[in-house]
Protein backbone atom coordinates (compact mmCIF):
# COMPACT_ATOMS: atom_id res chain seq x y z
CA MET A 1 74.36 194.70 -50.22
CA SER A 2 74.21 198.04 -48.45
CA PRO A 3 75.72 198.35 -44.96
CA SER A 4 72.24 198.97 -43.56
CA THR A 5 70.82 195.80 -45.13
CA TYR A 6 73.90 193.85 -44.06
CA SER A 7 73.50 194.84 -40.41
CA ARG A 8 69.77 194.02 -40.56
CA LEU A 9 70.67 190.62 -42.05
CA ILE A 10 73.04 189.92 -39.15
CA ASN A 11 70.29 190.96 -36.74
CA PHE A 12 67.78 188.69 -38.52
CA LEU A 13 70.19 185.75 -38.33
CA GLN A 14 70.70 186.25 -34.61
CA GLU A 15 67.18 187.23 -33.52
CA GLU A 16 64.91 185.21 -35.81
CA LEU A 17 67.03 182.15 -36.62
CA ALA A 18 69.03 182.04 -33.35
CA ILE A 19 72.37 181.81 -35.18
CA SER A 20 75.11 182.49 -32.67
CA PRO A 21 77.57 185.35 -33.13
CA ALA A 22 80.32 182.71 -33.11
CA CYS A 23 78.80 180.93 -36.14
CA ILE A 24 78.43 184.23 -37.96
CA GLY A 25 82.05 185.03 -37.13
CA VAL A 26 83.19 181.69 -38.58
CA ALA A 27 81.29 182.41 -41.79
CA LEU A 28 82.75 185.92 -42.01
CA ARG A 29 86.29 184.56 -41.64
CA HIS A 30 85.63 182.00 -44.37
CA SER A 31 84.18 184.69 -46.63
CA GLU A 32 87.52 186.51 -46.54
CA GLN A 33 89.21 183.45 -48.07
CA ASP A 34 86.35 182.28 -50.28
CA PRO A 35 84.18 185.28 -51.16
CA GLY A 36 80.48 184.68 -51.54
CA PRO A 37 77.12 185.61 -50.08
CA LEU A 38 77.07 185.21 -46.31
CA PRO A 39 73.92 183.02 -46.30
CA MET A 40 75.51 180.58 -48.75
CA ILE A 41 78.70 180.38 -46.69
CA LEU A 42 76.67 179.70 -43.53
CA TRP A 43 74.91 176.86 -45.36
CA GLN A 44 78.04 175.44 -47.02
CA TYR A 45 79.76 175.10 -43.65
CA GLY A 46 76.71 173.51 -42.02
CA LEU A 47 75.98 176.49 -39.79
CA ILE A 48 72.38 176.80 -41.03
CA THR A 49 69.99 174.29 -42.53
CA LEU A 50 68.58 174.40 -46.04
CA GLU A 51 65.25 175.41 -44.53
CA GLN A 52 66.92 178.34 -42.73
CA LEU A 53 68.69 179.30 -45.95
CA ASP A 54 65.30 179.53 -47.66
CA LEU A 55 64.06 181.78 -44.86
CA VAL A 56 67.09 184.03 -45.28
CA PHE A 57 66.51 184.35 -49.03
CA ASP A 58 62.83 185.09 -48.42
CA TRP A 59 63.85 187.79 -45.93
CA LEU A 60 66.37 189.26 -48.39
CA GLU A 61 63.67 189.54 -51.06
CA THR A 62 61.56 191.71 -48.78
CA ALA A 63 64.40 193.68 -47.18
């Protein structure tokens, strides 16, 4: 994922899905130990719902 798309994804998570910066920070710390796509890490740790995960993947398809 390009840096531009990555920063837009973070913005989407915060603005559209109301995911707190703290939750995103937790997922980023976990991704350092267990690499994977940020949306999947957010879901695996219960920081977003399955419905929100679907919205993120839909957004990524159009980004």
